[in-house]
Amino acid sequence: MTIVILFDFTAKFIILIESVFMKNTTPTTIPYRSPSPENVLLALLLETPRDGYQLNQILRRELGHVWHLSQSQLYATLRRLEARGWVNGEEQESRRGLPRRIFTLSEVGRQQALRWLMTPSRCAVQIIRLELPSRVFLIQRLFPAQLQDFLDRQHKVIQEGLHRLRAQLERIPIDQTYNRMAVEMRLHQTQALLDWFEKTFNSIFKGG
């Protein structure tokens, strides 16, 4: 029972720490929202108009271990984007004679896709785990000449997040065991993320 309570306390404190860092996020990152495949779908439509089946095939083949999205969830997401005015759907006949809905970006949707695509994620392991592979895949596919600049900026965001955590830990009194425990956990996770990032992108990464 003590272990369960301790873990619950620590997890809640980690969430509290994340909310503090959200307020201090560098302006080079997008304001916090839970990661969503919405922006990935928008970015795929930057390349060419597609129907839901085509979008689903690309997601499953290229990012299936990143986004666990069923076809029904994908269509629901597209309907939400259409209701928001970010995509436009048009019924067209397929080769089999059955109607299919082709989605294209509105101007607002195009701006949102580009803004999301080129803006680094904030320094949070769970968010970067989803968004970084998605962005790298899409930038390399659509704007390969801009990939290096994006990676440089994402690297800087992670480094700054690590520095903030170290400074946060230094300010916590040594007798506040559980407060320090929560921040130390975040610190180790973020250091591991930075190490992985530098190792993974070493062949093209030139930042400091």
N, C-alpha and C. Protein backbone atom coordinates (compact mmCIF):
# COMPACT_ATOMS: atom_id res chain seq x y z
N MET A 1 0.84 -1.21 0.00
CA MET A 1 0.00 0.00 0.00
C MET A 1 0.87 1.24 0.00
N THR A 2 1.93 1.25 0.77
CA THR A 2 2.82 2.41 0.82
C THR A 2 3.44 2.67 -0.54
N ILE A 3 3.83 1.60 -1.23
CA ILE A 3 4.47 1.75 -2.54
C ILE A 3 3.50 2.36 -3.53
N VAL A 4 2.24 1.92 -3.50
CA VAL A 4 1.23 2.45 -4.42
C VAL A 4 1.02 3.93 -4.17
N ILE A 5 0.89 4.32 -2.92
CA ILE A 5 0.69 5.73 -2.58
C ILE A 5 1.89 6.56 -3.00
N LEU A 6 3.09 6.04 -2.78
CA LEU A 6 4.30 6.77 -3.14
C LEU A 6 4.37 6.96 -4.64
N PHE A 7 4.05 5.91 -5.41
CA PHE A 7 4.11 6.02 -6.86
C PHE A 7 3.09 7.03 -7.35
N ASP A 8 1.87 6.99 -6.77
CA ASP A 8 0.82 7.90 -7.19
C ASP A 8 1.21 9.33 -6.88
N PHE A 9 1.80 9.55 -5.72
CA PHE A 9 2.25 10.90 -5.36
C PHE A 9 3.30 11.39 -6.34
N THR A 10 4.27 10.51 -6.66
CA THR A 10 5.35 10.91 -7.57
C THR A 10 4.82 11.22 -8.95
N ALA A 11 3.91 10.38 -9.45
CA ALA A 11 3.35 10.61 -10.79
C ALA A 11 2.62 11.94 -10.85
N LYS A 12 1.85 12.24 -9.78
CA LYS A 12 1.13 13.51 -9.76
C LYS A 12 2.09 14.68 -9.70
N PHE A 13 3.20 14.50 -8.99
CA PHE A 13 4.15 15.60 -8.91
C PHE A 13 4.84 15.83 -10.25
N ILE A 14 5.08 14.74 -10.99
CA ILE A 14 5.69 14.88 -12.32
C ILE A 14 4.76 15.69 -13.22
N ILE A 15 3.45 15.41 -13.14
CA ILE A 15 2.49 16.19 -13.93
C ILE A 15 2.54 17.65 -13.53
N LEU A 16 2.67 17.92 -12.22
CA LEU A 16 2.75 19.29 -11.74
C LEU A 16 3.99 19.98 -12.30
N ILE A 17 5.13 19.27 -12.28
CA ILE A 17 6.37 19.83 -12.81
C ILE A 17 6.22 20.15 -14.29
N GLU A 18 5.57 19.24 -15.06
CA GLU A 18 5.37 19.48 -16.49
C GLU A 18 4.54 20.72 -16.72
N SER A 19 3.52 20.93 -15.88
CA SER A 19 2.67 22.11 -16.06
C SER A 19 3.44 23.39 -15.82
N VAL A 20 4.42 23.36 -14.92
CA VAL A 20 5.26 24.53 -14.68
C VAL A 20 6.10 24.83 -15.90
N PHE A 21 6.69 23.78 -16.49
CA PHE A 21 7.53 23.99 -17.66
C PHE A 21 6.73 24.43 -18.87
N MET A 22 5.46 24.04 -18.96
CA MET A 22 4.62 24.47 -20.05
C MET A 22 4.54 25.99 -20.08
N LYS A 23 4.50 26.62 -18.93
CA LYS A 23 4.39 28.07 -18.87
C LYS A 23 5.68 28.75 -19.32
N ASN A 24 6.81 28.03 -19.20
CA ASN A 24 8.10 28.62 -19.55
C ASN A 24 8.63 28.12 -20.88
N THR A 25 7.74 27.50 -21.71
CA THR A 25 8.18 26.94 -22.99
C THR A 25 8.71 28.03 -23.90
N THR A 26 9.83 27.74 -24.53
CA THR A 26 10.40 28.70 -25.47
C THR A 26 9.42 29.01 -26.59
N PRO A 27 9.37 30.25 -27.11
CA PRO A 27 8.42 30.59 -28.17
C PRO A 27 8.69 29.88 -29.48
N THR A 28 9.80 29.13 -29.58
CA THR A 28 10.06 28.38 -30.80
C THR A 28 9.30 27.07 -30.82
N THR A 29 8.49 26.79 -29.80
CA THR A 29 7.69 25.57 -29.77
C THR A 29 6.22 25.92 -29.81
N ILE A 30 5.42 24.94 -30.24
CA ILE A 30 3.98 25.12 -30.32
C ILE A 30 3.38 25.08 -28.92
N PRO A 31 2.37 25.95 -28.61
CA PRO A 31 1.70 25.87 -27.32
C PRO A 31 1.18 24.46 -27.07
N TYR A 32 1.18 24.05 -25.79
CA TYR A 32 0.91 22.65 -25.46
C TYR A 32 -0.49 22.22 -25.85
N ARG A 33 -0.53 21.08 -26.54
CA ARG A 33 -1.74 20.31 -26.78
C ARG A 33 -1.36 18.85 -26.73
N SER A 34 -2.29 18.02 -26.30
CA SER A 34 -2.01 16.59 -26.32
C SER A 34 -1.68 16.18 -27.75
N PRO A 35 -0.69 15.32 -27.95
CA PRO A 35 -0.34 14.88 -29.30
C PRO A 35 -1.55 14.25 -29.99
N SER A 36 -1.71 14.60 -31.25
CA SER A 36 -2.86 14.13 -32.02
C SER A 36 -2.40 13.85 -33.45
N PRO A 37 -2.98 12.84 -34.11
CA PRO A 37 -2.64 12.58 -35.51
C PRO A 37 -3.22 13.60 -36.47
N GLU A 38 -4.01 14.54 -35.96
CA GLU A 38 -4.61 15.56 -36.84
C GLU A 38 -3.56 16.25 -37.71
N ASN A 39 -2.50 16.70 -37.07
CA ASN A 39 -1.48 17.46 -37.81
C ASN A 39 -0.71 16.58 -38.80
N VAL A 40 -0.56 15.31 -38.47
CA VAL A 40 0.10 14.39 -39.40
C VAL A 40 -0.74 14.24 -40.67
N LEU A 41 -2.05 14.11 -40.50
CA LEU A 41 -2.93 14.00 -41.66
C LEU A 41 -2.90 15.27 -42.49
N LEU A 42 -2.91 16.42 -41.82
CA LEU A 42 -2.82 17.68 -42.55
C LEU A 42 -1.53 17.76 -43.36
N ALA A 43 -0.43 17.37 -42.74
CA ALA A 43 0.86 17.43 -43.43
C ALA A 43 0.92 16.48 -44.62
N LEU A 44 0.30 15.32 -44.51
CA LEU A 44 0.25 14.39 -45.65
C LEU A 44 -0.55 14.99 -46.81
N LEU A 45 -1.53 15.82 -46.49
CA LEU A 45 -2.30 16.47 -47.55
C LEU A 45 -1.56 17.66 -48.16
N LEU A 46 -0.47 18.10 -47.54
CA LEU A 46 0.36 19.11 -48.18
C LEU A 46 0.94 18.57 -49.49
N GLU A 47 1.20 17.28 -49.51
CA GLU A 47 1.84 16.64 -50.66
C GLU A 47 0.88 16.54 -51.84
N THR A 48 -0.33 16.06 -51.56
CA THR A 48 -1.33 15.88 -52.61
C THR A 48 -2.67 15.56 -51.96
N PRO A 49 -3.79 15.86 -52.61
CA PRO A 49 -5.09 15.42 -52.08
C PRO A 49 -5.14 13.90 -52.00
N ARG A 50 -5.81 13.40 -50.97
CA ARG A 50 -5.90 11.96 -50.77
C ARG A 50 -7.26 11.61 -50.17
N ASP A 51 -7.64 10.34 -50.33
CA ASP A 51 -8.83 9.87 -49.63
C ASP A 51 -8.41 9.19 -48.32
N GLY A 52 -9.39 8.83 -47.52
CA GLY A 52 -9.09 8.27 -46.22
C GLY A 52 -8.32 6.96 -46.29
N TYR A 53 -8.64 6.13 -47.28
CA TYR A 53 -7.95 4.86 -47.42
C TYR A 53 -6.47 5.07 -47.70
N GLN A 54 -6.14 6.00 -48.58
CA GLN A 54 -4.74 6.29 -48.91
C GLN A 54 -4.00 6.82 -47.69
N LEU A 55 -4.62 7.71 -46.94
CA LEU A 55 -4.00 8.25 -45.73
C LEU A 55 -3.75 7.14 -44.71
N ASN A 56 -4.71 6.26 -44.57
CA ASN A 56 -4.58 5.16 -43.63
C ASN A 56 -3.44 4.22 -44.03
N GLN A 57 -3.29 3.96 -45.31
CA GLN A 57 -2.22 3.08 -45.78
C GLN A 57 -0.84 3.66 -45.47
N ILE A 58 -0.68 4.97 -45.68
CA ILE A 58 0.61 5.61 -45.39
C ILE A 58 0.91 5.59 -43.89
N LEU A 59 -0.09 5.91 -43.09
CA LEU A 59 0.10 5.91 -41.64
C LEU A 59 0.48 4.52 -41.13
N ARG A 60 -0.22 3.50 -41.60
CA ARG A 60 0.06 2.14 -41.12
C ARG A 60 1.44 1.66 -41.57
N ARG A 61 1.82 2.02 -42.80
CA ARG A 61 3.10 1.54 -43.33
C ARG A 61 4.28 2.28 -42.70
N GLU A 62 4.18 3.58 -42.59
CA GLU A 62 5.33 4.41 -42.18
C GLU A 62 5.35 4.76 -40.70
N LEU A 63 4.17 4.90 -40.09
CA LEU A 63 4.10 5.38 -38.70
C LEU A 63 3.17 4.52 -37.85
N GLY A 64 3.01 3.26 -38.24
CA GLY A 64 2.08 2.39 -37.54
C GLY A 64 2.46 2.10 -36.10
N HIS A 65 3.75 2.18 -35.76
CA HIS A 65 4.19 1.96 -34.38
C HIS A 65 4.25 3.28 -33.59
N VAL A 66 3.90 4.35 -34.26
CA VAL A 66 3.85 5.66 -33.60
C VAL A 66 2.40 6.01 -33.26
N TRP A 67 1.54 5.96 -34.26
CA TRP A 67 0.13 6.28 -34.08
C TRP A 67 -0.70 5.01 -34.26
N HIS A 68 -1.40 4.60 -33.22
CA HIS A 68 -2.27 3.43 -33.28
C HIS A 68 -3.69 3.93 -33.58
N LEU A 69 -3.97 4.06 -34.88
CA LEU A 69 -5.20 4.70 -35.33
C LEU A 69 -5.95 3.72 -36.23
N SER A 70 -7.16 3.36 -35.83
CA SER A 70 -7.97 2.50 -36.68
C SER A 70 -8.53 3.32 -37.84
N GLN A 71 -9.04 2.62 -38.86
CA GLN A 71 -9.58 3.33 -40.01
C GLN A 71 -10.80 4.16 -39.60
N SER A 72 -11.63 3.64 -38.70
CA SER A 72 -12.80 4.40 -38.26
C SER A 72 -12.37 5.65 -37.49
N GLN A 73 -11.31 5.55 -36.68
CA GLN A 73 -10.80 6.72 -35.96
C GLN A 73 -10.23 7.75 -36.94
N LEU A 74 -9.57 7.26 -37.99
CA LEU A 74 -9.02 8.16 -38.98
C LEU A 74 -10.13 8.95 -39.68
N TYR A 75 -11.21 8.27 -40.07
CA TYR A 75 -12.32 8.95 -40.74
C TYR A 75 -12.99 9.94 -39.79
N ALA A 76 -13.08 9.59 -38.53
CA ALA A 76 -13.66 10.52 -37.55
C ALA A 76 -12.79 11.77 -37.42
N THR A 77 -11.47 11.58 -37.47
CA THR A 77 -10.54 12.71 -37.40
C THR A 77 -10.69 13.59 -38.63
N LEU A 78 -10.83 12.98 -39.80
CA LEU A 78 -11.01 13.76 -41.02
C LEU A 78 -12.31 14.55 -40.98
N ARG A 79 -13.37 13.95 -40.46
CA ARG A 79 -14.64 14.68 -40.34
C ARG A 79 -14.48 15.87 -39.39
N ARG A 80 -13.72 15.68 -38.32
CA ARG A 80 -13.48 16.77 -37.38
C ARG A 80 -12.69 17.91 -38.05
N LEU A 81 -11.69 17.55 -38.83
CA LEU A 81 -10.90 18.56 -39.53
C LEU A 81 -11.75 19.28 -40.57
N GLU A 82 -12.65 18.56 -41.21
CA GLU A 82 -13.53 19.18 -42.21
C GLU A 82 -14.51 20.13 -41.53
N ALA A 83 -15.05 19.73 -40.39
CA ALA A 83 -15.98 20.59 -39.66
C ALA A 83 -15.29 21.85 -39.17
N ARG A 84 -14.00 21.73 -38.89
CA ARG A 84 -13.21 22.87 -38.41
C ARG A 84 -12.82 23.81 -39.56
N GLY A 85 -12.98 23.35 -40.79
CA GLY A 85 -12.64 24.17 -41.95
C GLY A 85 -11.20 24.06 -42.37
N TRP A 86 -10.48 23.04 -41.87
CA TRP A 86 -9.08 22.87 -42.23
C TRP A 86 -8.88 22.00 -43.46
N VAL A 87 -9.87 21.14 -43.76
CA VAL A 87 -9.83 20.36 -44.99
C VAL A 87 -11.18 20.45 -45.67
N ASN A 88 -11.17 20.23 -46.97
CA ASN A 88 -12.39 20.18 -47.76
C ASN A 88 -12.52 18.79 -48.37
N GLY A 89 -13.69 18.20 -48.23
CA GLY A 89 -13.93 16.87 -48.80
C GLY A 89 -14.84 16.96 -50.01
N GLU A 90 -14.53 16.17 -51.02
CA GLU A 90 -15.33 16.15 -52.25
C GLU A 90 -15.52 14.71 -52.70
N GLU A 91 -16.76 14.34 -52.98
CA GLU A 91 -17.05 12.99 -53.44
C GLU A 91 -16.65 12.83 -54.90
N GLN A 92 -15.92 11.76 -55.18
CA GLN A 92 -15.52 11.43 -56.54
C GLN A 92 -15.72 9.94 -56.75
N GLU A 93 -15.91 9.56 -58.01
CA GLU A 93 -16.03 8.15 -58.31
C GLU A 93 -14.66 7.50 -58.37
N SER A 94 -14.58 6.29 -57.86
CA SER A 94 -13.33 5.53 -57.93
C SER A 94 -13.33 4.67 -59.20
N ARG A 95 -12.23 3.97 -59.43
CA ARG A 95 -12.14 3.09 -60.60
C ARG A 95 -13.18 1.99 -60.55
N ARG A 96 -13.57 1.61 -59.34
CA ARG A 96 -14.58 0.55 -59.19
C ARG A 96 -16.00 1.10 -59.29
N GLY A 97 -16.12 2.40 -59.48
CA GLY A 97 -17.43 3.00 -59.60
C GLY A 97 -18.05 3.42 -58.29
N LEU A 98 -17.39 3.08 -57.17
CA LEU A 98 -17.90 3.47 -55.86
C LEU A 98 -17.40 4.86 -55.51
N PRO A 99 -18.23 5.66 -54.84
CA PRO A 99 -17.78 7.01 -54.49
C PRO A 99 -16.69 6.98 -53.41
N ARG A 100 -15.77 7.89 -53.49
CA ARG A 100 -14.76 8.06 -52.45
C ARG A 100 -14.63 9.55 -52.17
N ARG A 101 -14.26 9.89 -50.96
CA ARG A 101 -14.17 11.29 -50.56
C ARG A 101 -12.71 11.71 -50.58
N ILE A 102 -12.41 12.66 -51.43
CA ILE A 102 -11.05 13.17 -51.57
C ILE A 102 -10.90 14.43 -50.71
N PHE A 103 -9.85 14.46 -49.92
CA PHE A 103 -9.63 15.58 -49.01
C PHE A 103 -8.50 16.47 -49.50
N THR A 104 -8.75 17.76 -49.49
CA THR A 104 -7.72 18.76 -49.81
C THR A 104 -7.65 19.77 -48.67
N LEU A 105 -6.52 20.43 -48.56
CA LEU A 105 -6.34 21.42 -47.50
C LEU A 105 -6.98 22.74 -47.86
N SER A 106 -7.63 23.36 -46.90
CA SER A 106 -8.00 24.77 -47.05
C SER A 106 -6.76 25.61 -46.78
N GLU A 107 -6.84 26.90 -47.01
CA GLU A 107 -5.68 27.75 -46.74
C GLU A 107 -5.34 27.75 -45.25
N VAL A 108 -6.37 27.76 -44.40
CA VAL A 108 -6.13 27.71 -42.96
C VAL A 108 -5.48 26.38 -42.59
N GLY A 109 -5.95 25.31 -43.18
CA GLY A 109 -5.36 24.00 -42.91
C GLY A 109 -3.93 23.91 -43.38
N ARG A 110 -3.63 24.51 -44.52
CA ARG A 110 -2.26 24.50 -45.04
C ARG A 110 -1.33 25.25 -44.10
N GLN A 111 -1.77 26.40 -43.59
CA GLN A 111 -0.95 27.17 -42.66
C GLN A 111 -0.72 26.40 -41.37
N GLN A 112 -1.76 25.74 -40.88
CA GLN A 112 -1.63 24.94 -39.65
C GLN A 112 -0.65 23.78 -39.87
N ALA A 113 -0.75 23.11 -41.01
CA ALA A 113 0.14 21.99 -41.30
C ALA A 113 1.59 22.44 -41.34
N LEU A 114 1.86 23.54 -42.01
CA LEU A 114 3.24 24.04 -42.12
C LEU A 114 3.77 24.51 -40.77
N ARG A 115 2.92 25.18 -40.00
CA ARG A 115 3.34 25.67 -38.68
C ARG A 115 3.70 24.50 -37.77
N TRP A 116 2.84 23.48 -37.74
CA TRP A 116 3.12 22.32 -36.91
C TRP A 116 4.37 21.58 -37.39
N LEU A 117 4.48 21.41 -38.68
CA LEU A 117 5.56 20.61 -39.24
C LEU A 117 6.93 21.18 -38.93
N MET A 118 7.05 22.49 -38.98
CA MET A 118 8.35 23.12 -38.85
C MET A 118 8.66 23.63 -37.43
N THR A 119 7.76 23.39 -36.49
CA THR A 119 7.96 23.86 -35.12
C THR A 119 8.35 22.70 -34.22
N PRO A 120 9.48 22.78 -33.53
CA PRO A 120 9.87 21.68 -32.64
C PRO A 120 8.86 21.43 -31.53
N SER A 121 8.82 20.19 -31.07
CA SER A 121 7.99 19.85 -29.92
C SER A 121 8.61 20.44 -28.65
N ARG A 122 7.78 20.69 -27.65
CA ARG A 122 8.31 21.09 -26.36
C ARG A 122 9.05 19.91 -25.75
N CYS A 123 9.86 20.18 -24.76
CA CYS A 123 10.72 19.14 -24.18
C CYS A 123 9.91 18.27 -23.23
N ALA A 124 9.28 17.26 -23.77
CA ALA A 124 8.53 16.27 -22.99
C ALA A 124 8.69 14.94 -23.71
N VAL A 125 9.16 13.94 -23.01
CA VAL A 125 9.52 12.66 -23.63
C VAL A 125 8.35 12.05 -24.38
N GLN A 126 7.17 12.00 -23.76
CA GLN A 126 6.03 11.34 -24.39
C GLN A 126 5.58 12.07 -25.65
N ILE A 127 5.66 13.40 -25.65
CA ILE A 127 5.26 14.17 -26.83
C ILE A 127 6.27 13.97 -27.95
N ILE A 128 7.55 14.06 -27.64
CA ILE A 128 8.58 13.90 -28.66
C ILE A 128 8.56 12.48 -29.23
N ARG A 129 8.25 11.50 -28.40
CA ARG A 129 8.18 10.11 -28.88
C ARG A 129 7.19 9.96 -30.03
N LEU A 130 6.09 10.71 -29.98
CA LEU A 130 5.09 10.65 -31.03
C LEU A 130 5.38 11.62 -32.18
N GLU A 131 5.74 12.84 -31.83
CA GLU A 131 5.82 13.88 -32.85
C GLU A 131 7.12 13.89 -33.63
N LEU A 132 8.24 13.55 -32.99
CA LEU A 132 9.52 13.64 -33.70
C LEU A 132 9.61 12.68 -34.88
N PRO A 133 9.31 11.37 -34.72
CA PRO A 133 9.36 10.50 -35.90
C PRO A 133 8.42 10.97 -37.00
N SER A 134 7.25 11.49 -36.60
CA SER A 134 6.27 11.97 -37.58
C SER A 134 6.82 13.16 -38.36
N ARG A 135 7.37 14.12 -37.64
CA ARG A 135 7.90 15.31 -38.31
C ARG A 135 9.10 14.98 -39.20
N VAL A 136 10.01 14.16 -38.70
CA VAL A 136 11.19 13.83 -39.51
C VAL A 136 10.77 13.10 -40.78
N PHE A 137 9.85 12.14 -40.66
CA PHE A 137 9.35 11.44 -41.84
C PHE A 137 8.76 12.41 -42.85
N LEU A 138 7.93 13.34 -42.37
CA LEU A 138 7.23 14.25 -43.27
C LEU A 138 8.14 15.32 -43.86
N ILE A 139 9.03 15.87 -43.04
CA ILE A 139 9.95 16.89 -43.56
C ILE A 139 10.89 16.27 -44.60
N GLN A 140 11.38 15.07 -44.31
CA GLN A 140 12.27 14.40 -45.26
C GLN A 140 11.54 14.10 -46.56
N ARG A 141 10.26 13.86 -46.48
CA ARG A 141 9.45 13.53 -47.65
C ARG A 141 9.07 14.79 -48.44
N LEU A 142 8.77 15.87 -47.72
CA LEU A 142 8.24 17.07 -48.36
C LEU A 142 9.27 18.19 -48.55
N PHE A 143 10.09 18.42 -47.53
CA PHE A 143 11.04 19.54 -47.55
C PHE A 143 12.40 19.08 -47.04
N PRO A 144 13.07 18.15 -47.74
CA PRO A 144 14.31 17.56 -47.22
C PRO A 144 15.41 18.58 -46.94
N ALA A 145 15.43 19.68 -47.67
CA ALA A 145 16.48 20.69 -47.47
C ALA A 145 16.33 21.39 -46.13
N GLN A 146 15.16 21.28 -45.49
CA GLN A 146 14.93 21.96 -44.22
C GLN A 146 15.06 21.04 -43.01
N LEU A 147 15.39 19.79 -43.26
CA LEU A 147 15.46 18.84 -42.16
C LEU A 147 16.56 19.19 -41.17
N GLN A 148 17.72 19.56 -41.67
CA GLN A 148 18.83 19.87 -40.77
C GLN A 148 18.51 21.02 -39.83
N ASP A 149 17.90 22.07 -40.37
CA ASP A 149 17.54 23.22 -39.54
C ASP A 149 16.52 22.82 -38.48
N PHE A 150 15.55 21.99 -38.85
CA PHE A 150 14.57 21.53 -37.88
C PHE A 150 15.23 20.74 -36.76
N LEU A 151 16.12 19.82 -37.11
CA LEU A 151 16.79 19.00 -36.10
C LEU A 151 17.64 19.86 -35.17
N ASP A 152 18.31 20.87 -35.72
CA ASP A 152 19.09 21.78 -34.89
C ASP A 152 18.21 22.45 -33.83
N ARG A 153 17.04 22.91 -34.28
CA ARG A 153 16.14 23.62 -33.36
C ARG A 153 15.52 22.68 -32.33
N GLN A 154 15.19 21.45 -32.75
CA GLN A 154 14.65 20.49 -31.79
C GLN A 154 15.71 20.09 -30.77
N HIS A 155 16.93 19.93 -31.22
CA HIS A 155 18.04 19.62 -30.31
C HIS A 155 18.21 20.71 -29.26
N LYS A 156 18.11 21.94 -29.70
CA LYS A 156 18.25 23.07 -28.77
C LYS A 156 17.14 23.07 -27.73
N VAL A 157 15.91 22.75 -28.14
CA VAL A 157 14.78 22.70 -27.21
C VAL A 157 15.02 21.63 -26.14
N ILE A 158 15.53 20.47 -26.55
CA ILE A 158 15.79 19.40 -25.58
C ILE A 158 16.91 19.81 -24.62
N GLN A 159 17.97 20.42 -25.16
CA GLN A 159 19.06 20.88 -24.30
C GLN A 159 18.57 21.90 -23.28
N GLU A 160 17.75 22.85 -23.73
CA GLU A 160 17.23 23.87 -22.82
C GLU A 160 16.34 23.25 -21.76
N GLY A 161 15.55 22.26 -22.14
CA GLY A 161 14.71 21.56 -21.17
C GLY A 161 15.54 20.85 -20.12
N LEU A 162 16.65 20.26 -20.54
CA LEU A 162 17.54 19.59 -19.61
C LEU A 162 18.17 20.59 -18.64
N HIS A 163 18.57 21.74 -19.14
CA HIS A 163 19.16 22.77 -18.28
C HIS A 163 18.14 23.29 -17.27
N ARG A 164 16.89 23.45 -17.70
CA ARG A 164 15.85 23.91 -16.77
C ARG A 164 15.62 22.90 -15.66
N LEU A 165 15.62 21.62 -16.01
CA LEU A 165 15.42 20.59 -15.00
C LEU A 165 16.57 20.57 -13.99
N ARG A 166 17.81 20.75 -14.47
CA ARG A 166 18.95 20.78 -13.55
C ARG A 166 18.85 21.97 -12.61
N ALA A 167 18.45 23.11 -13.16
CA ALA A 167 18.29 24.30 -12.32
C ALA A 167 17.15 24.10 -11.32
N GLN A 168 16.07 23.46 -11.76
CA GLN A 168 14.95 23.18 -10.87
C GLN A 168 15.39 22.28 -9.72
N LEU A 169 16.17 21.26 -10.02
CA LEU A 169 16.63 20.34 -8.99
C LEU A 169 17.52 21.04 -7.98
N GLU A 170 18.37 21.93 -8.43
CA GLU A 170 19.26 22.66 -7.53
C GLU A 170 18.49 23.53 -6.55
N ARG A 171 17.32 23.99 -6.95
CA ARG A 171 16.54 24.89 -6.08
C ARG A 171 15.72 24.13 -5.04
N ILE A 172 15.58 22.82 -5.19
CA ILE A 172 14.78 22.04 -4.25
C ILE A 172 15.65 21.65 -3.06
N PRO A 173 15.26 21.98 -1.84
CA PRO A 173 16.06 21.62 -0.65
C PRO A 173 16.33 20.13 -0.58
N ILE A 174 17.48 19.78 -0.05
CA ILE A 174 17.91 18.39 -0.01
C ILE A 174 16.98 17.52 0.82
N ASP A 175 16.26 18.11 1.79
CA ASP A 175 15.38 17.31 2.64
C ASP A 175 14.01 17.06 2.00
N GLN A 176 13.74 17.64 0.83
CA GLN A 176 12.47 17.40 0.13
C GLN A 176 12.65 16.20 -0.81
N THR A 177 12.69 15.04 -0.19
CA THR A 177 13.04 13.81 -0.90
C THR A 177 12.16 13.53 -2.10
N TYR A 178 10.86 13.67 -1.94
CA TYR A 178 9.93 13.26 -2.99
C TYR A 178 9.85 14.29 -4.12
N ASN A 179 10.00 15.56 -3.76
CA ASN A 179 10.09 16.58 -4.80
C ASN A 179 11.33 16.35 -5.67
N ARG A 180 12.44 16.06 -5.03
CA ARG A 180 13.68 15.79 -5.77
C ARG A 180 13.56 14.50 -6.59
N MET A 181 12.87 13.52 -6.04
CA MET A 181 12.68 12.26 -6.75
C MET A 181 11.96 12.48 -8.09
N ALA A 182 10.90 13.28 -8.05
CA ALA A 182 10.12 13.53 -9.27
C ALA A 182 10.95 14.25 -10.32
N VAL A 183 11.70 15.28 -9.90
CA VAL A 183 12.49 16.04 -10.86
C VAL A 183 13.67 15.21 -11.37
N GLU A 184 14.27 14.41 -10.49
CA GLU A 184 15.36 13.55 -10.93
C GLU A 184 14.90 12.54 -11.98
N MET A 185 13.69 12.03 -11.81
CA MET A 185 13.14 11.11 -12.80
C MET A 185 13.02 11.79 -14.16
N ARG A 186 12.45 13.00 -14.17
CA ARG A 186 12.36 13.76 -15.41
C ARG A 186 13.73 14.06 -16.00
N LEU A 187 14.67 14.36 -15.11
CA LEU A 187 16.02 14.69 -15.55
C LEU A 187 16.67 13.49 -16.26
N HIS A 188 16.54 12.31 -15.68
CA HIS A 188 17.13 11.12 -16.29
C HIS A 188 16.44 10.79 -17.62
N GLN A 189 15.13 10.95 -17.67
CA GLN A 189 14.40 10.68 -18.91
C GLN A 189 14.84 11.64 -20.01
N THR A 190 14.99 12.90 -19.66
CA THR A 190 15.36 13.90 -20.66
C THR A 190 16.80 13.72 -21.12
N GLN A 191 17.70 13.34 -20.20
CA GLN A 191 19.08 13.06 -20.59
C GLN A 191 19.13 11.86 -21.54
N ALA A 192 18.34 10.83 -21.25
CA ALA A 192 18.28 9.67 -22.14
C ALA A 192 17.73 10.06 -23.51
N LEU A 193 16.74 10.94 -23.52
CA LEU A 193 16.18 11.42 -24.78
C LEU A 193 17.24 12.17 -25.59
N LEU A 194 18.00 13.03 -24.92
CA LEU A 194 19.05 13.79 -25.62
C LEU A 194 20.12 12.85 -26.17
N ASP A 195 20.53 11.87 -25.38
CA ASP A 195 21.54 10.91 -25.84
C ASP A 195 21.04 10.14 -27.06
N TRP A 196 19.78 9.70 -26.99
CA TRP A 196 19.20 8.98 -28.13
C TRP A 196 19.13 9.87 -29.36
N PHE A 197 18.72 11.11 -29.18
CA PHE A 197 18.58 12.05 -30.29
C PHE A 197 19.92 12.23 -31.00
N GLU A 198 20.95 12.49 -30.22
CA GLU A 198 22.26 12.75 -30.82
C GLU A 198 22.82 11.50 -31.51
N LYS A 199 22.59 10.34 -30.93
CA LYS A 199 23.07 9.10 -31.54
C LYS A 199 22.30 8.79 -32.83
N THR A 200 20.99 8.99 -32.79
CA THR A 200 20.14 8.66 -33.94
C THR A 200 20.42 9.56 -35.13
N PHE A 201 20.59 10.84 -34.87
CA PHE A 201 20.75 11.79 -35.97
C PHE A 201 22.20 12.23 -36.16
N ASN A 202 23.11 11.45 -35.65
CA ASN A 202 24.53 11.82 -35.72
C ASN A 202 25.01 12.01 -37.14
N SER A 203 24.49 11.21 -38.09
CA SER A 203 24.99 11.27 -39.47
C SER A 203 24.64 12.59 -40.15
N ILE A 204 23.55 13.24 -39.70
CA ILE A 204 23.16 14.51 -40.34
C ILE A 204 23.16 15.66 -39.35
N PHE A 205 23.33 15.33 -38.07
CA PHE A 205 23.26 16.37 -37.05
C PHE A 205 24.58 17.11 -36.93
N LYS A 206 24.54 18.45 -37.01
CA LYS A 206 25.75 19.24 -36.95
C LYS A 206 25.68 20.30 -35.83
N GLY A 207 24.58 20.27 -35.08
CA GLY A 207 24.43 21.27 -34.03
C GLY A 207 25.35 21.00 -32.87
N GLY A 208 25.44 21.99 -31.96
CA GLY A 208 26.30 21.84 -30.81
C GLY A 208 25.61 21.14 -29.77
